Amino acid sequence: MITLAPITEDSLIINFDDKIDLSITKIIMQLVELLKPGSSSDFFPNIIKENILEITPSYTRLFIQYRASQLKYEDIDAELQRWTKTHSSLQKKTLSCLHELPVYYHREVGLDLPHLAQHHQLTQKEIIQYHSQKEYHVYAIGFAPGFAFLGEVDAQIATPRRDSPRLNIPAGSVGIAEQQTAVYPNNTPGGWNIIGNCPLTLFDITSSPMSPFTIGDRVKFNPITRIDFLALGGHIDKNWK
């Protein structure tokens, strides 16, 4: 059941469900597209779209900030209630882009690869096969700029976060935490289990868009050799642990 609640005098949150589900992600992204300023859809009046300042989707919620000088919570609530009654009949198609990312799976860039193999009683090759054989969906973007939460990994390799987060994980590191996987777009602290590295730049503040990922997109990881990794600009940092 979809519910709305005010957060501050100029923001609200929409709760879609209490569980992660791709069908919910698609509904959230449909609403994001309809509410975007400049959206070609006329479902919402322009006064709503033009006065929305920020739209932040997550797994099961949507945060909206708006100009309180131009809109009242009751105005947005009325329009969103109208949408909740009719959204199932909307015919809008959501484009889903497939991103194929090269990954060098090896202990010298994926320090936790041996641990995962031991933890799951698998070989490192089997860990790589399980991780790279699936297409993942972008469920949410957050934690750090351009950090895309991808799901869901095969149950055979789902692994709890590390007990002790690392202070600095190199950009491009590919990790697993519970049923999720992700690529760290920048050097940052983190507690995910690192199994490889992607040599591509996945967040650039000077680019437009700054990140290639949009919620609902698909991601496929393709194993590459050490030679290919270095040729694509990959870097092996021997100082982190």
Protein backbone atom coordinates (compact mmCIF):
# COMPACT_ATOMS: atom_id res chain seq x y z
CA MET A 1 0.00 0.00 0.00
CA ILE A 2 1.38 3.41 -1.03
CA THR A 3 1.37 6.03 1.72
CA LEU A 4 2.49 9.68 1.91
CA ALA A 5 3.82 11.60 4.89
CA PRO A 6 5.25 15.11 5.37
CA ILE A 7 8.86 15.30 6.60
CA THR A 8 9.39 19.05 6.89
CA GLU A 9 7.46 22.08 5.72
CA ASP A 10 8.94 21.65 2.23
CA SER A 11 9.46 17.90 1.87
CA LEU A 12 7.57 14.62 1.96
CA ILE A 13 8.22 10.94 1.60
CA ILE A 14 6.25 8.30 -0.28
CA ASN A 15 6.41 4.75 1.07
CA PHE A 16 5.68 2.05 -1.49
CA ASP A 17 6.34 -1.12 0.48
CA ASP A 18 8.55 -2.62 3.17
CA LYS A 19 10.35 -5.12 0.93
CA ILE A 20 12.75 -4.78 -1.98
CA ASP A 21 11.15 -5.81 -5.25
CA LEU A 22 11.98 -4.96 -8.85
CA SER A 23 8.30 -4.30 -9.63
CA ILE A 24 8.30 -1.60 -6.93
CA THR A 25 11.47 -0.09 -8.40
CA LYS A 26 9.74 0.20 -11.77
CA ILE A 27 6.72 1.93 -10.21
CA ILE A 28 8.99 4.39 -8.38
CA MET A 29 10.88 5.22 -11.58
CA GLN A 30 7.63 5.67 -13.46
CA LEU A 31 6.56 8.28 -10.93
CA VAL A 32 9.99 9.97 -11.05
CA GLU A 33 9.67 10.34 -14.83
CA LEU A 34 6.18 11.82 -14.53
CA LEU A 35 7.26 14.35 -11.87
CA LYS A 36 10.50 15.53 -13.47
CA PRO A 37 10.56 19.23 -14.42
CA GLY A 38 10.26 19.35 -18.19
CA SER A 39 8.56 15.95 -18.38
CA SER A 40 6.60 15.56 -21.61
CA SER A 41 3.78 13.88 -19.68
CA ASP A 42 0.81 16.06 -18.74
CA PHE A 43 -0.37 13.74 -15.98
CA PHE A 44 0.78 16.21 -13.32
CA PRO A 45 0.08 19.95 -13.76
CA ASN A 46 3.08 22.15 -14.51
CA ILE A 47 2.78 23.97 -11.21
CA ILE A 48 3.65 20.69 -9.50
CA LYS A 49 6.53 19.73 -11.79
CA GLU A 50 8.05 23.22 -11.95
CA ASN A 51 8.22 23.60 -8.17
CA ILE A 52 9.77 20.26 -7.28
CA LEU A 53 13.38 20.89 -6.22
CA GLU A 54 14.62 17.37 -5.57
CA ILE A 55 13.46 13.82 -6.18
CA THR A 56 15.46 11.08 -4.44
CA PRO A 57 14.40 7.46 -5.02
CA SER A 58 15.51 4.52 -2.88
CA TYR A 59 14.57 0.84 -2.76
CA THR A 60 11.04 1.34 -1.45
CA ARG A 61 10.64 5.08 -0.93
CA LEU A 62 10.66 8.37 -2.78
CA PHE A 63 11.76 11.61 -1.12
CA ILE A 64 10.44 14.86 -2.63
CA GLN A 65 11.48 18.41 -1.76
CA TYR A 66 9.44 21.31 -3.15
CA ARG A 67 9.08 25.10 -3.02
CA ALA A 68 6.89 25.71 0.00
CA SER A 69 6.28 29.28 -1.21
CA GLN A 70 4.52 27.90 -4.30
CA LEU A 71 3.08 24.59 -3.18
CA LYS A 72 1.35 23.22 -0.14
CA TYR A 73 1.68 19.65 1.04
CA GLU A 74 -2.06 19.22 0.51
CA ASP A 75 -1.66 20.19 -3.18
CA ILE A 76 0.97 17.54 -3.83
CA ASP A 77 -0.84 15.00 -1.67
CA ALA A 78 -4.03 15.41 -3.71
CA GLU A 79 -2.19 14.92 -7.01
CA LEU A 80 -0.23 11.93 -5.74
CA GLN A 81 -3.39 10.34 -4.36
CA ARG A 82 -4.90 10.73 -7.84
CA TRP A 83 -1.81 9.03 -9.27
CA THR A 84 -1.99 6.11 -6.83
CA LYS A 85 -5.53 5.37 -8.02
CA THR A 86 -4.58 5.36 -11.70
CA HIS A 87 -0.89 4.42 -12.00
CA SER A 88 -1.61 0.74 -12.68
CA SER A 89 -3.37 1.70 -15.90
CA LEU A 90 -0.68 4.03 -17.21
CA GLN A 91 0.97 2.77 -20.38
CA LYS A 92 4.34 4.49 -20.03
CA LYS A 93 7.33 2.31 -20.97
CA THR A 94 10.45 2.64 -18.86
CA LEU A 95 13.67 2.25 -20.84
CA SER A 96 16.17 -0.13 -19.28
CA CYS A 97 19.78 0.31 -20.34
CA LEU A 98 22.26 -2.58 -20.13
CA HIS A 99 25.76 -1.67 -18.88
CA GLU A 100 28.47 -4.27 -19.49
CA LEU A 101 31.37 -3.71 -17.11
CA PRO A 102 34.79 -5.38 -17.40
CA VAL A 103 36.08 -6.76 -14.11
CA TYR A 104 39.47 -8.15 -13.13
CA TYR A 105 38.67 -10.77 -10.51
CA HIS A 106 41.83 -11.50 -8.54
CA ARG A 107 43.14 -11.32 -5.00
CA GLU A 108 45.51 -8.43 -5.83
CA VAL A 109 42.49 -6.19 -6.43
CA GLY A 110 39.84 -8.26 -4.64
CA LEU A 111 41.28 -9.00 -1.22
CA ASP A 112 38.15 -10.80 -0.02
CA LEU A 113 37.92 -13.26 -2.90
CA PRO A 114 39.77 -16.04 -0.98
CA HIS A 115 37.61 -15.38 2.11
CA LEU A 116 34.38 -15.73 0.12
CA ALA A 117 35.60 -18.96 -1.44
CA GLN A 118 36.42 -20.39 1.98
CA HIS A 119 33.23 -19.05 3.57
CA HIS A 120 30.99 -20.64 0.94
CA GLN A 121 33.16 -23.74 0.39
CA LEU A 122 33.59 -22.86 -3.25
CA THR A 123 36.62 -22.26 -5.45
CA GLN A 124 37.55 -18.72 -6.38
CA LYS A 125 36.66 -19.59 -9.98
CA GLU A 126 33.16 -20.62 -8.87
CA ILE A 127 32.72 -17.34 -6.96
CA ILE A 128 33.62 -15.46 -10.16
CA GLN A 129 31.24 -17.58 -12.24
CA TYR A 130 28.33 -17.04 -9.86
CA HIS A 131 28.97 -13.29 -9.77
CA SER A 132 29.48 -12.74 -13.50
CA GLN A 133 26.78 -15.01 -14.91
CA LYS A 134 23.83 -12.82 -13.87
CA GLU A 135 22.36 -9.53 -14.99
CA TYR A 136 21.73 -7.21 -12.06
CA HIS A 137 19.27 -4.35 -11.72
CA VAL A 138 20.06 -0.93 -10.29
CA TYR A 139 17.75 -0.69 -7.28
CA ALA A 140 19.04 2.53 -5.72
CA ILE A 141 21.81 5.11 -5.98
CA GLY A 142 23.36 6.57 -2.85
CA PHE A 143 25.86 6.17 0.00
CA ALA A 144 28.44 7.95 -2.20
CA PRO A 145 28.00 9.88 -5.48
CA GLY A 146 27.38 7.41 -8.29
CA PHE A 147 27.28 4.37 -6.00
CA ALA A 148 24.68 2.03 -7.55
CA PHE A 149 23.15 -0.72 -5.41
CA LEU A 150 22.71 -3.80 -7.61
CA GLY A 151 20.73 -6.91 -6.91
CA GLU A 152 20.43 -9.65 -6.36
CA VAL A 153 23.48 -11.88 -6.24
CA ASP A 154 23.09 -15.65 -6.35
CA ALA A 155 22.29 -17.05 -2.90
CA GLN A 156 25.42 -19.20 -3.18
CA ILE A 157 27.64 -16.11 -2.79
CA ALA A 158 25.48 -13.75 -0.69
CA THR A 159 27.81 -12.67 2.13
CA PRO A 160 27.39 -10.43 5.20
CA ARG A 161 29.34 -7.17 5.33
CA ARG A 162 32.78 -7.24 6.87
CA ASP A 163 32.91 -6.89 10.65
CA SER A 164 35.50 -4.12 10.29
CA PRO A 165 35.02 -1.65 7.41
CA ARG A 166 38.13 -0.59 5.51
CA LEU A 167 39.17 3.05 5.71
CA ASN A 168 39.93 3.36 2.01
CA ILE A 169 38.67 1.15 -0.80
CA PRO A 170 40.12 1.93 -4.27
CA ALA A 171 37.83 3.29 -6.97
CA GLY A 172 36.46 0.55 -9.21
CA SER A 173 36.37 -2.07 -6.46
CA VAL A 174 33.58 -4.59 -6.95
CA GLY A 175 31.98 -5.76 -3.74
CA ILE A 176 29.27 -7.94 -2.24
CA ALA A 177 27.18 -7.24 0.87
CA GLU A 178 24.33 -9.60 1.71
CA GLN A 179 22.29 -10.01 -1.51
CA GLN A 180 23.68 -6.85 -3.10
CA THR A 181 26.69 -6.08 -5.26
CA ALA A 182 28.18 -2.77 -6.37
CA VAL A 183 31.16 -0.95 -7.83
CA TYR A 184 32.80 1.73 -5.69
CA PRO A 185 32.99 4.72 -8.10
CA ASN A 186 35.55 6.58 -5.97
CA ASN A 187 38.07 5.93 -3.22
CA THR A 188 35.97 5.69 -0.08
CA PRO A 189 35.63 3.82 3.22
CA GLY A 190 33.40 0.76 3.09
CA GLY A 191 32.55 -2.60 4.57
CA TRP A 192 31.65 -4.63 1.48
CA ASN A 193 33.55 -7.80 0.52
CA ILE A 194 35.82 -6.86 -2.40
CA ILE A 195 36.27 -9.51 -5.10
CA GLY A 196 37.59 -7.57 -8.09
CA ASN A 197 38.01 -4.21 -9.81
CA CYS A 198 36.43 -2.47 -12.79
CA PRO A 199 38.88 -0.15 -14.62
CA LEU A 200 36.18 2.16 -16.02
CA THR A 201 35.41 5.62 -14.62
CA LEU A 202 31.88 5.39 -13.22
CA PHE A 203 31.55 8.85 -11.72
CA ASP A 204 32.88 12.10 -13.16
CA ILE A 205 31.69 15.44 -11.85
CA THR A 206 32.68 17.11 -15.14
CA SER A 207 30.53 14.77 -17.26
CA SER A 208 26.84 14.96 -18.02
CA PRO A 209 25.41 12.78 -16.67
CA MET A 210 28.00 12.36 -13.91
CA SER A 211 27.11 8.67 -13.52
CA PRO A 212 25.99 6.23 -16.25
CA PHE A 213 23.48 4.49 -13.98
CA THR A 214 19.77 5.10 -13.60
CA ILE A 215 17.48 3.16 -11.29
CA GLY A 216 16.01 0.27 -13.26
CA ASP A 217 19.08 -0.15 -15.49
CA ARG A 218 20.72 -3.55 -15.87
CA VAL A 219 24.38 -4.36 -15.22
CA LYS A 220 26.43 -7.33 -16.42
CA PHE A 221 29.99 -8.01 -15.20
CA ASN A 222 32.44 -9.53 -17.69
CA PRO A 223 35.68 -11.12 -16.40
CA ILE A 224 38.90 -9.80 -17.99
CA THR A 225 42.58 -10.64 -17.67
CA ARG A 226 45.20 -8.66 -15.78
CA ILE A 227 46.69 -7.48 -19.09
CA ASP A 228 43.30 -6.18 -20.28
CA PHE A 229 42.67 -4.56 -16.89
CA LEU A 230 45.91 -2.58 -17.06
CA ALA A 231 45.36 -1.72 -20.74
CA LEU A 232 41.96 -0.24 -19.84
CA GLY A 233 43.55 2.05 -17.27
CA GLY A 234 43.21 -0.18 -14.22
CA HIS A 235 45.51 0.38 -11.27
CA ILE A 236 46.73 -2.16 -8.73
CA ASP A 237 47.09 -0.55 -5.33
CA LYS A 238 49.36 -2.66 -3.15
CA ASN A 239 49.01 -0.43 -0.07
CA TRP A 240 45.42 -1.16 0.93
CA LYS A 241 44.43 -4.14 3.01
